[in-house]
Amino acid sequence: MTSEIIADRRLVADRRREPAESHFRRLDKAGPAQADGMLTGMFEVYRADEVRMTSTRFGGGDWHWRLSDGEGLILLDTGGYASEGECLRAVAILQENAGFASVSRTS
């Protein structure tokens, strides 16, 4: 092995990963939701702001959903749906199947 490859591998091994908490943020407007005295999560469906990119081209305006825990911590935020209906269907599919999903670990 060349010294360059060994040095590259050391750099990769020495990198510290960001803590998972740094990828989450809190929803300012969301308070804890309660069901039978227990905190529950929440799906929020929203439309992204439309932004003018050039004089004739716009970006944004697509539909997104995000999942937060009972205390308003955003766990997942995704989007790019052309319509609110498509976005709501994605949320419904997740609600139906997420509890049965297995966890796969890759090395």
PDB file of N, CA and C in Angstrom:
ATOM      1  N   MET A   1       0.834  -1.186   0.000  1.00  0.00           N
ATOM      2  CA  MET A   1       0.000   0.000   0.000  1.00  0.00           C
ATOM      3  C   MET A   1       0.877   1.247   0.000  1.00  0.00           C
ATOM      4  N   THR A   2       0.437   2.239  -0.745  1.00  0.00           N
ATOM      5  CA  THR A   2       1.211   3.473  -0.765  1.00  0.00           C
ATOM      6  C   THR A   2       0.920   4.297   0.476  1.00  0.00           C
ATOM      7  N   SER A   3       1.841   5.179   0.787  1.00  0.00           N
ATOM      8  CA  SER A   3       1.659   6.024   1.980  1.00  0.00           C
ATOM      9  C   SER A   3       0.465   6.966   1.823  1.00  0.00           C
ATOM     10  N   GLU A   4       0.132   7.342   0.569  1.00  0.00           N
ATOM     11  CA  GLU A   4      -1.025   8.225   0.349  1.00  0.00           C
ATOM     12  C   GLU A   4      -2.330   7.523   0.741  1.00  0.00           C
ATOM     13  N   ILE A   5      -2.480   6.262   0.371  1.00  0.00           N
ATOM     14  CA  ILE A   5      -3.695   5.513   0.705  1.00  0.00           C
ATOM     15  C   ILE A   5      -3.807   5.344   2.213  1.00  0.00           C
ATOM     16  N   ILE A   6      -2.694   5.011   2.854  1.00  0.00           N
ATOM     17  CA  ILE A   6      -2.695   4.852   4.310  1.00  0.00           C
ATOM     18  C   ILE A   6      -3.074   6.165   4.983  1.00  0.00           C
ATOM     19  N   ALA A   7      -2.521   7.272   4.519  1.00  0.00           N
ATOM     20  CA  ALA A   7      -2.837   8.587   5.090  1.00  0.00           C
ATOM     21  C   ALA A   7      -4.309   8.913   4.898  1.00  0.00           C
ATOM     22  N   ASP A   8      -4.869   8.600   3.709  1.00  0.00           N
ATOM     23  CA  ASP A   8      -6.292   8.850   3.454  1.00  0.00           C
ATOM     24  C   ASP A   8      -7.162   8.038   4.402  1.00  0.00           C
ATOM     25  N   ARG A   9      -6.808   6.790   4.634  1.00  0.00           N
ATOM     26  CA  ARG A   9      -7.590   5.942   5.540  1.00  0.00           C
ATOM     27  C   ARG A   9      -7.525   6.470   6.964  1.00  0.00           C
ATOM     28  N   ARG A  10      -6.384   6.976   7.371  1.00  0.00           N
ATOM     29  CA  ARG A  10      -6.270   7.542   8.721  1.00  0.00           C
ATOM     30  C   ARG A  10      -7.142   8.783   8.858  1.00  0.00           C
ATOM     31  N   LEU A  11      -7.165   9.612   7.817  1.00  0.00           N
ATOM     32  CA  LEU A  11      -8.008  10.808   7.865  1.00  0.00           C
ATOM     33  C   LEU A  11      -9.473  10.431   8.032  1.00  0.00           C
ATOM     34  N   VAL A  12      -9.910   9.436   7.287  1.00  0.00           N
ATOM     35  CA  VAL A  12     -11.302   9.000   7.383  1.00  0.00           C
ATOM     36  C   VAL A  12     -11.579   8.437   8.770  1.00  0.00           C
ATOM     37  N   ALA A  13     -10.680   7.636   9.287  1.00  0.00           N
ATOM     38  CA  ALA A  13     -10.873   7.032  10.607  1.00  0.00           C
ATOM     39  C   ALA A  13     -10.834   8.078  11.711  1.00  0.00           C
ATOM     40  N   ASP A  14     -10.070   9.148  11.527  1.00  0.00           N
ATOM     41  CA  ASP A  14      -9.937  10.174  12.557  1.00  0.00           C
ATOM     42  C   ASP A  14     -11.091  11.161  12.571  1.00  0.00           C
ATOM     43  N   ARG A  15     -11.877  11.213  11.502  1.00  0.00           N
ATOM     44  CA  ARG A  15     -12.991  12.164  11.469  1.00  0.00           C
ATOM     45  C   ARG A  15     -14.010  11.816  12.530  1.00  0.00           C
ATOM     46  N   ARG A  16     -14.438  12.804  13.218  1.00  0.00           N
ATOM     47  CA  ARG A  16     -15.482  12.609  14.222  1.00  0.00           C
ATOM     48  C   ARG A  16     -16.829  12.831  13.546  1.00  0.00           C
ATOM     49  N   ARG A  17     -17.750  11.980  13.836  1.00  0.00           N
ATOM     50  CA  ARG A  17     -19.101  12.147  13.296  1.00  0.00           C
ATOM     51  C   ARG A  17     -19.854  13.140  14.154  1.00  0.00           C
ATOM     52  N   GLU A  18     -20.716  13.896  13.490  1.00  0.00           N
ATOM     53  CA  GLU A  18     -21.565  14.831  14.230  1.00  0.00           C
ATOM     54  C   GLU A  18     -22.542  14.040  15.084  1.00  0.00           C
ATOM     55  N   PRO A  19     -22.853  14.539  16.255  1.00  0.00           N
ATOM     56  CA  PRO A  19     -23.872  13.846  17.048  1.00  0.00           C
ATOM     57  C   PRO A  19     -25.218  13.918  16.333  1.00  0.00           C
ATOM     58  N   ALA A  20     -26.013  12.872  16.495  1.00  0.00           N
ATOM     59  CA  ALA A  20     -27.310  12.819  15.817  1.00  0.00           C
ATOM     60  C   ALA A  20     -28.170  14.027  16.156  1.00  0.00           C
ATOM     61  N   GLU A  21     -28.046  14.538  17.376  1.00  0.00           N
ATOM     62  CA  GLU A  21     -28.877  15.671  17.801  1.00  0.00           C
ATOM     63  C   GLU A  21     -28.676  16.894  16.914  1.00  0.00           C
ATOM     64  N   SER A  22     -27.504  17.029  16.290  1.00  0.00           N
ATOM     65  CA  SER A  22     -27.248  18.210  15.465  1.00  0.00           C
ATOM     66  C   SER A  22     -28.078  18.213  14.184  1.00  0.00           C
ATOM     67  N   HIS A  23     -28.656  17.080  13.824  1.00  0.00           N
ATOM     68  CA  HIS A  23     -29.470  16.998  12.614  1.00  0.00           C
ATOM     69  C   HIS A  23     -30.939  17.278  12.883  1.00  0.00           C
ATOM     70  N   PHE A  24     -31.313  17.409  14.129  1.00  0.00           N
ATOM     71  CA  PHE A  24     -32.695  17.660  14.497  1.00  0.00           C
ATOM     72  C   PHE A  24     -32.851  19.118  14.916  1.00  0.00           C
ATOM     73  N   ARG A  25     -34.055  19.658  14.735  1.00  0.00           N
ATOM     74  CA  ARG A  25     -34.338  21.009  15.220  1.00  0.00           C
ATOM     75  C   ARG A  25     -35.752  21.035  15.777  1.00  0.00           C
ATOM     76  N   ARG A  26     -36.034  22.025  16.571  1.00  0.00           N
ATOM     77  CA  ARG A  26     -37.355  22.123  17.196  1.00  0.00           C
ATOM     78  C   ARG A  26     -38.282  22.990  16.358  1.00  0.00           C
ATOM     79  N   LEU A  27     -39.552  22.603  16.336  1.00  0.00           N
ATOM     80  CA  LEU A  27     -40.586  23.432  15.738  1.00  0.00           C
ATOM     81  C   LEU A  27     -40.971  24.481  16.764  1.00  0.00           C
ATOM     82  N   ASP A  28     -40.870  25.746  16.410  1.00  0.00           N
ATOM     83  CA  ASP A  28     -41.217  26.805  17.354  1.00  0.00           C
ATOM     84  C   ASP A  28     -42.694  26.795  17.697  1.00  0.00           C
ATOM     85  N   LYS A  29     -43.534  26.551  16.695  1.00  0.00           N
ATOM     86  CA  LYS A  29     -44.968  26.673  16.912  1.00  0.00           C
ATOM     87  C   LYS A  29     -45.604  25.419  17.491  1.00  0.00           C
ATOM     88  N   ALA A  30     -44.903  24.306  17.449  1.00  0.00           N
ATOM     89  CA  ALA A  30     -45.526  23.048  17.885  1.00  0.00           C
ATOM     90  C   ALA A  30     -45.341  22.855  19.375  1.00  0.00           C
ATOM     91  N   GLY A  31     -46.428  22.673  20.037  1.00  0.00           N
ATOM     92  CA  GLY A  31     -46.372  22.297  21.436  1.00  0.00           C
ATOM     93  C   GLY A  31     -46.591  20.800  21.522  1.00  0.00           C
ATOM     94  N   PRO A  32     -46.399  20.238  22.673  1.00  0.00           N
ATOM     95  CA  PRO A  32     -46.617  18.799  22.790  1.00  0.00           C
ATOM     96  C   PRO A  32     -48.073  18.432  22.552  1.00  0.00           C
ATOM     97  N   ALA A  33     -48.287  17.415  21.760  1.00  0.00           N
ATOM     98  CA  ALA A  33     -49.635  16.895  21.547  1.00  0.00           C
ATOM     99  C   ALA A  33     -49.881  15.815  22.582  1.00  0.00           C
ATOM    100  N   GLN A  34     -51.099  15.701  23.045  1.00  0.00           N
ATOM    101  CA  GLN A  34     -51.384  14.710  24.080  1.00  0.00           C
ATOM    102  C   GLN A  34     -52.505  13.794  23.641  1.00  0.00           C
ATOM    103  N   ALA A  35     -52.343  12.534  23.969  1.00  0.00           N
ATOM    104  CA  ALA A  35     -53.390  11.539  23.755  1.00  0.00           C
ATOM    105  C   ALA A  35     -53.414  10.665  24.990  1.00  0.00           C
ATOM    106  N   ASP A  36     -54.509  10.721  25.728  1.00  0.00           N
ATOM    107  CA  ASP A  36     -54.646   9.948  26.972  1.00  0.00           C
ATOM    108  C   ASP A  36     -53.501  10.232  27.940  1.00  0.00           C
ATOM    109  N   GLY A  37     -53.096  11.496  28.020  1.00  0.00           N
ATOM    110  CA  GLY A  37     -52.054  11.885  28.966  1.00  0.00           C
ATOM    111  C   GLY A  37     -50.636  11.600  28.499  1.00  0.00           C
ATOM    112  N   MET A  38     -50.467  11.022  27.300  1.00  0.00           N
ATOM    113  CA  MET A  38     -49.124  10.713  26.789  1.00  0.00           C
ATOM    114  C   MET A  38     -48.778  11.679  25.665  1.00  0.00           C
ATOM    115  N   LEU A  39     -47.509  12.045  25.558  1.00  0.00           N
ATOM    116  CA  LEU A  39     -47.051  12.890  24.466  1.00  0.00           C
ATOM    117  C   LEU A  39     -46.996  12.065  23.185  1.00  0.00           C
ATOM    118  N   THR A  40     -47.465  12.637  22.083  1.00  0.00           N
ATOM    119  CA  THR A  40     -47.457  11.932  20.811  1.00  0.00           C
ATOM    120  C   THR A  40     -46.773  12.773  19.752  1.00  0.00           C
ATOM    121  N   GLY A  41     -46.325  12.117  18.700  1.00  0.00           N
ATOM    122  CA  GLY A  41     -45.697  12.820  17.591  1.00  0.00           C
ATOM    123  C   GLY A  41     -46.736  13.441  16.680  1.00  0.00           C
ATOM    124  N   MET A  42     -46.248  14.152  15.658  1.00  0.00           N
ATOM    125  CA  MET A  42     -47.152  14.857  14.765  1.00  0.00           C
ATOM    126  C   MET A  42     -46.555  14.919  13.367  1.00  0.00           C
ATOM    127  N   PHE A  43     -47.375  14.680  12.350  1.00  0.00           N
ATOM    128  CA  PHE A  43     -47.012  14.937  10.964  1.00  0.00           C
ATOM    129  C   PHE A  43     -47.528  16.326  10.616  1.00  0.00           C
ATOM    130  N   GLU A  44     -46.697  17.120   9.999  1.00  0.00           N
ATOM    131  CA  GLU A  44     -47.120  18.440   9.519  1.00  0.00           C
ATOM    132  C   GLU A  44     -46.924  18.472   8.011  1.00  0.00           C
ATOM    133  N   VAL A  45     -47.973  18.792   7.271  1.00  0.00           N
ATOM    134  CA  VAL A  45     -47.922  18.908   5.812  1.00  0.00           C
ATOM    135  C   VAL A  45     -47.963  20.391   5.484  1.00  0.00           C
ATOM    136  N   TYR A  46     -47.035  20.836   4.634  1.00  0.00           N
ATOM    137  CA  TYR A  46     -46.982  22.263   4.301  1.00  0.00           C
ATOM    138  C   TYR A  46     -46.449  22.464   2.887  1.00  0.00           C
ATOM    139  N   ARG A  47     -46.691  23.634   2.360  1.00  0.00           N
ATOM    140  CA  ARG A  47     -46.215  23.983   1.021  1.00  0.00           C
ATOM    141  C   ARG A  47     -45.010  24.903   1.153  1.00  0.00           C
ATOM    142  N   ALA A  48     -43.938  24.581   0.443  1.00  0.00           N
ATOM    143  CA  ALA A  48     -42.724  25.396   0.483  1.00  0.00           C
ATOM    144  C   ALA A  48     -42.964  26.718  -0.237  1.00  0.00           C
ATOM    145  N   ASP A  49     -42.268  27.744   0.199  1.00  0.00           N
ATOM    146  CA  ASP A  49     -42.380  29.044  -0.448  1.00  0.00           C
ATOM    147  C   ASP A  49     -41.871  28.966  -1.883  1.00  0.00           C
ATOM    148  N   GLU A  50     -42.561  29.663  -2.775  1.00  0.00           N
ATOM    149  CA  GLU A  50     -42.115  29.740  -4.164  1.00  0.00           C
ATOM    150  C   GLU A  50     -41.121  30.889  -4.285  1.00  0.00           C
ATOM    151  N   VAL A  51     -40.007  30.623  -4.957  1.00  0.00           N
ATOM    152  CA  VAL A  51     -38.937  31.606  -5.078  1.00  0.00           C
ATOM    153  C   VAL A  51     -38.634  31.831  -6.553  1.00  0.00           C
ATOM    154  N   ARG A  52     -38.458  33.089  -6.931  1.00  0.00           N
ATOM    155  CA  ARG A  52     -38.091  33.410  -8.313  1.00  0.00           C
ATOM    156  C   ARG A  52     -36.595  33.161  -8.481  1.00  0.00           C
ATOM    157  N   MET A  53     -36.236  32.264  -9.422  1.00  0.00           N
ATOM    158  CA  MET A  53     -34.835  31.924  -9.664  1.00  0.00           C
ATOM    159  C   MET A  53     -34.251  32.779 -10.786  1.00  0.00           C
ATOM    160  N   THR A  54     -35.023  33.008 -11.825  1.00  0.00           N
ATOM    161  CA  THR A  54     -34.664  33.914 -12.915  1.00  0.00           C
ATOM    162  C   THR A  54     -35.931  34.667 -13.283  1.00  0.00           C
ATOM    163  N   SER A  55     -35.855  35.487 -14.329  1.00  0.00           N
ATOM    164  CA  SER A  55     -37.034  36.260 -14.705  1.00  0.00           C
ATOM    165  C   SER A  55     -38.179  35.382 -15.196  1.00  0.00           C
ATOM    166  N   THR A  56     -37.883  34.161 -15.644  1.00  0.00           N
ATOM    167  CA  THR A  56     -38.926  33.288 -16.157  1.00  0.00           C
ATOM    168  C   THR A  56     -39.036  31.959 -15.414  1.00  0.00           C
ATOM    169  N   ARG A  57     -38.170  31.739 -14.431  1.00  0.00           N
ATOM    170  CA  ARG A  57     -38.138  30.446 -13.751  1.00  0.00           C
ATOM    171  C   ARG A  57     -38.361  30.599 -12.248  1.00  0.00           C
ATOM    172  N   PHE A  58     -39.190  29.728 -11.721  1.00  0.00           N
ATOM    173  CA  PHE A  58     -39.485  29.732 -10.290  1.00  0.00           C
ATOM    174  C   PHE A  58     -39.084  28.394  -9.684  1.00  0.00           C
ATOM    175  N   GLY A  59     -38.790  28.401  -8.407  1.00  0.00           N
ATOM    176  CA  GLY A  59     -38.482  27.177  -7.685  1.00  0.00           C
ATOM    177  C   GLY A  59     -39.328  27.131  -6.428  1.00  0.00           C
ATOM    178  N   GLY A  60     -39.439  25.960  -5.842  1.00  0.00           N
ATOM    179  CA  GLY A  60     -40.243  25.820  -4.631  1.00  0.00           C
ATOM    180  C   GLY A  60     -41.701  25.640  -4.981  1.00  0.00           C
ATOM    181  N   GLY A  61     -42.552  25.858  -4.003  1.00  0.00           N
ATOM    182  CA  GLY A  61     -43.974  25.696  -4.207  1.00  0.00           C
ATOM    183  C   GLY A  61     -44.423  24.255  -4.138  1.00  0.00           C
ATOM    184  N   ASP A  62     -43.478  23.331  -3.874  1.00  0.00           N
ATOM    185  CA  ASP A  62     -43.850  21.926  -3.765  1.00  0.00           C
ATOM    186  C   ASP A  62     -44.295  21.605  -2.343  1.00  0.00           C
ATOM    187  N   TRP A  63     -44.865  20.431  -2.175  1.00  0.00           N
ATOM    188  CA  TRP A  63     -45.419  20.024  -0.882  1.00  0.00           C
ATOM    189  C   TRP A  63     -44.418  19.203  -0.089  1.00  0.00           C
ATOM    190  N   HIS A  64     -44.372  19.422   1.203  1.00  0.00           N
ATOM    191  CA  HIS A  64     -43.453  18.745   2.115  1.00  0.00           C
ATOM    192  C   HIS A  64     -44.221  18.208   3.314  1.00  0.00           C
ATOM    193  N   TRP A  65     -43.613  17.251   4.011  1.00  0.00           N
ATOM    194  CA  TRP A  65     -44.134  16.815   5.309  1.00  0.00           C
ATOM    195  C   TRP A  65     -42.958  16.651   6.239  1.00  0.00           C
ATOM    196  N   ARG A  66     -43.236  16.847   7.511  1.00  0.00           N
ATOM    197  CA  ARG A  66     -42.218  16.612   8.523  1.00  0.00           C
ATOM    198  C   ARG A  66     -42.860  15.934   9.723  1.00  0.00           C
ATOM    199  N   LEU A  67     -42.061  15.132  10.389  1.00  0.00           N
ATOM    200  CA  LEU A  67     -42.501  14.384  11.552  1.00  0.00           C
ATOM    201  C   LEU A  67     -41.754  14.921  12.758  1.00  0.00           C
ATOM    202  N   SER A  68     -42.495  15.272  13.802  1.00  0.00           N
ATOM    203  CA  SER A  68     -41.862  15.748  15.035  1.00  0.00           C
ATOM    204  C   SER A  68     -42.325  14.875  16.190  1.00  0.00           C
ATOM    205  N   ASP A  69     -41.517  14.877  17.239  1.00  0.00           N
ATOM    206  CA  ASP A  69     -41.917  14.117  18.422  1.00  0.00           C
ATOM    207  C   ASP A  69     -42.894  14.953  19.234  1.00  0.00           C
ATOM    208  N   GLY A  70     -43.341  14.440  20.356  1.00  0.00           N
ATOM    209  CA  GLY A  70     -44.341  15.112  21.175  1.00  0.00           C
ATOM    210  C   GLY A  70     -43.884  16.428  21.757  1.00  0.00           C
ATOM    211  N   GLU A  71     -42.576  16.664  21.776  1.00  0.00           N
ATOM    212  CA  GLU A  71     -42.056  17.920  22.319  1.00  0.00           C
ATOM    213  C   GLU A  71     -41.675  18.904  21.226  1.00  0.00           C
ATOM    214  N   GLY A  72     -41.989  18.590  19.969  1.00  0.00           N
ATOM    215  CA  GLY A  72     -41.728  19.513  18.876  1.00  0.00           C
ATOM    216  C   GLY A  72     -40.379  19.348  18.212  1.00  0.00           C
ATOM    217  N   LEU A  73     -39.615  18.313  18.535  1.00  0.00           N
ATOM    218  CA  LEU A  73     -38.318  18.067  17.909  1.00  0.00           C
ATOM    219  C   LEU A  73     -38.552  17.423  16.551  1.00  0.00           C
ATOM    220  N   ILE A  74     -38.080  18.062  15.471  1.00  0.00           N
ATOM    221  CA  ILE A  74     -38.268  17.526  14.124  1.00  0.00           C
ATOM    222  C   ILE A  74     -37.360  16.319  13.942  1.00  0.00           C
ATOM    223  N   LEU A  75     -37.965  15.191  13.627  1.00  0.00           N
ATOM    224  CA  LEU A  75     -37.225  13.959  13.426  1.00  0.00           C
ATOM    225  C   LEU A  75     -36.927  13.716  11.950  1.00  0.00           C
ATOM    226  N   LEU A  76     -37.846  14.135  11.084  1.00  0.00           N
ATOM    227  CA  LEU A  76     -37.710  13.901   9.654  1.00  0.00           C
ATOM    228  C   LEU A  76     -38.431  15.002   8.909  1.00  0.00           C
ATOM    229  N   ASP A  77     -37.799  15.509   7.855  1.00  0.00           N
ATOM    230  CA  ASP A  77     -38.390  16.561   7.030  1.00  0.00           C
ATOM    231  C   ASP A  77     -38.114  16.200   5.578  1.00  0.00           C
ATOM    232  N   THR A  78     -39.150  16.033   4.795  1.00  0.00           N
ATOM    233  CA  THR A  78     -38.956  15.624   3.412  1.00  0.00           C
ATOM    234  C   THR A  78     -39.966  16.327   2.511  1.00  0.00           C
ATOM    235  N   GLY A  79     -39.694  16.346   1.244  1.00  0.00           N
ATOM    236  CA  GLY A  79     -40.615  17.038   0.349  1.00  0.00           C
ATOM    237  C   GLY A  79     -40.328  16.786  -1.105  1.00  0.00           C
ATOM    238  N   GLY A  80     -40.906  17.647  -1.926  1.00  0.00           N
ATOM    239  CA  GLY A  80     -40.763  17.527  -3.357  1.00  0.00           C
ATOM    240  C   GLY A  80     -41.988  16.954  -4.031  1.00  0.00           C
ATOM    241  N   TYR A  81     -43.127  16.925  -3.322  1.00  0.00           N
ATOM    242  CA  TYR A  81     -44.356  16.393  -3.888  1.00  0.00           C
ATOM    243  C   TYR A  81     -45.059  17.472  -4.702  1.00  0.00           C
ATOM    244  N   ALA A  82     -45.566  17.082  -5.869  1.00  0.00           N
ATOM    245  CA  ALA A  82     -46.210  18.044  -6.766  1.00  0.00           C
ATOM    246  C   ALA A  82     -47.566  18.517  -6.254  1.00  0.00           C
ATOM    247  N   SER A  83     -48.237  17.683  -5.467  1.00  0.00           N
ATOM    248  CA  SER A  83     -49.556  18.068  -4.975  1.00  0.00           C
ATOM    249  C   SER A  83     -49.689  17.714  -3.503  1.00  0.00           C
ATOM    250  N   GLU A  84     -50.643  18.354  -2.861  1.00  0.00           N
ATOM    251  CA  GLU A  84     -50.911  18.063  -1.457  1.00  0.00           C
ATOM    252  C   GLU A  84     -51.398  16.620  -1.297  1.00  0.00           C
ATOM    253  N   GLY A  85     -52.173  16.144  -2.259  1.00  0.00           N
ATOM    254  CA  GLY A  85     -52.682  14.777  -2.213  1.00  0.00           C
ATOM    255  C   GLY A  85     -51.562  13.744  -2.224  1.00  0.00           C
ATOM    256  N   GLU A  86     -50.551  13.936  -3.087  1.00  0.00           N
ATOM    257  CA  GLU A  86     -49.406  13.022  -3.136  1.00  0.00           C
ATOM    258  C   GLU A  86     -48.667  13.032  -1.798  1.00  0.00           C
ATOM    259  N   CYS A  87     -48.527  14.204  -1.232  1.00  0.00           N
ATOM    260  CA  CYS A  87     -47.845  14.344   0.052  1.00  0.00           C
ATOM    261  C   CYS A  87     -48.613  13.616   1.152  1.00  0.00           C
ATOM    262  N   LEU A  88     -49.919  13.809   1.193  1.00  0.00           N
ATOM    263  CA  LEU A  88     -50.746  13.145   2.196  1.00  0.00           C
ATOM    264  C   LEU A  88     -50.747  11.623   2.025  1.00  0.00           C
ATOM    265  N   ARG A  89     -50.688  11.159   0.769  1.00  0.00           N
ATOM    266  CA  ARG A  89     -50.605   9.710   0.526  1.00  0.00           C
ATOM    267  C   ARG A  89     -49.308   9.137   1.083  1.00  0.00           C
ATOM    268  N   ALA A  90     -48.208   9.862   0.903  1.00  0.00           N
ATOM    269  CA  ALA A  90     -46.920   9.407   1.437  1.00  0.00           C
ATOM    270  C   ALA A  90     -46.973   9.301   2.959  1.00  0.00           C
ATOM    271  N   VAL A  91     -47.596  10.277   3.609  1.00  0.00           N
ATOM    272  CA  VAL A  91     -47.743  10.246   5.073  1.00  0.00           C
ATOM    273  C   VAL A  91     -48.596   9.045   5.476  1.00  0.00           C
ATOM    274  N   ALA A  92     -49.696   8.794   4.770  1.00  0.00           N
ATOM    275  CA  ALA A  92     -50.578   7.671   5.096  1.00  0.00           C
ATOM    276  C   ALA A  92     -49.850   6.334   4.955  1.00  0.00           C
ATOM    277  N   ILE A  93     -49.055   6.184   3.905  1.00  0.00           N
ATOM    278  CA  ILE A  93     -48.290   4.954   3.710  1.00  0.00           C
ATOM    279  C   ILE A  93     -47.300   4.761   4.850  1.00  0.00           C
ATOM    280  N   LEU A  94     -46.644   5.822   5.244  1.00  0.00           N
ATOM    281  CA  LEU A  94     -45.697   5.740   6.356  1.00  0.00           C
ATOM    282  C   LEU A  94     -46.414   5.367   7.648  1.00  0.00           C
ATOM    283  N   GLN A  95     -47.550   5.985   7.902  1.00  0.00           N
ATOM    284  CA  GLN A  95     -48.310   5.673   9.119  1.00  0.00           C
ATOM    285  C   GLN A  95     -48.734   4.207   9.159  1.00  0.00           C
ATOM    286  N   GLU A  96     -49.107   3.655   8.015  1.00  0.00           N
ATOM    287  CA  GLU A  96     -49.562   2.269   7.962  1.00  0.00           C
ATOM    288  C   GLU A  96     -48.426   1.267   8.122  1.00  0.00           C
ATOM    289  N   ASN A  97     -47.243   1.592   7.603  1.00  0.00           N
ATOM    290  CA  ASN A  97     -46.177   0.604   7.507  1.00  0.00           C
ATOM    291  C   ASN A  97     -45.001   0.787   8.451  1.00  0.00           C
ATOM    292  N   ALA A  98     -44.813   1.963   9.009  1.00  0.00           N
ATOM    293  CA  ALA A  98     -43.605   2.222   9.795  1.00  0.00           C
ATOM    294  C   ALA A  98     -43.496   1.340  11.029  1.00  0.00           C
ATOM    295  N   GLY A  99     -44.610   1.039  11.667  1.00  0.00           N
ATOM    296  CA  GLY A  99     -44.571   0.209  12.869  1.00  0.00           C
ATOM    297  C   GLY A  99     -44.125  -1.213  12.608  1.00  0.00           C
ATOM    298  N   PHE A 100     -44.220  -1.655  11.367  1.00  0.00           N
ATOM    299  CA  PHE A 100     -43.858  -3.024  11.004  1.00  0.00           C
ATOM    300  C   PHE A 100     -42.497  -3.110  10.316  1.00  0.00           C
ATOM    301  N   ALA A 101     -41.872  -1.972  10.077  1.00  0.00           N
ATOM    302  CA  ALA A 101     -40.597  -1.961   9.353  1.00  0.00           C
ATOM    303  C   ALA A 101     -39.488  -2.508  10.242  1.00  0.00           C
ATOM    304  N   SER A 102     -38.604  -3.274   9.608  1.00  0.00           N
ATOM    305  CA  SER A 102     -37.461  -3.802  10.348  1.00  0.00           C
ATOM    306  C   SER A 102     -36.281  -2.827  10.206  1.00  0.00           C
ATOM    307  N   VAL A 103     -35.285  -3.016  11.011  1.00  0.00           N
ATOM    308  CA  VAL A 103     -34.084  -2.182  10.951  1.00  0.00           C
ATOM    309  C   VAL A 103     -32.973  -3.010  10.332  1.00  0.00           C
ATOM    310  N   SER A 104     -32.360  -2.468   9.295  1.00  0.00           N
ATOM    311  CA  SER A 104     -31.252  -3.145   8.630  1.00  0.00           C
ATOM    312  C   SER A 104     -29.993  -2.328   8.865  1.00  0.00           C
ATOM    313  N   ARG A 105     -28.948  -2.962   9.306  1.00  0.00           N
ATOM    314  CA  ARG A 105     -27.678  -2.265   9.556  1.00  0.00           C
ATOM    315  C   ARG A 105     -26.689  -2.657   8.486  1.00  0.00           C
ATOM    316  N   THR A 106     -26.037  -1.673   7.925  1.00  0.00           N
ATOM    317  CA  THR A 106     -25.000  -1.944   6.936  1.00  0.00           C
ATOM    318  C   THR A 106     -23.665  -1.499   7.503  1.00  0.00           C
ATOM    319  N   SER A 107     -22.619  -2.140   7.087  1.00  0.00           N
ATOM    320  CA  SER A 107     -21.310  -1.760   7.619  1.00  0.00           C
ATOM    321  C   SER A 107     -20.566  -0.858   6.694  1.00  0.00           C
TER     322      SER A 107
END
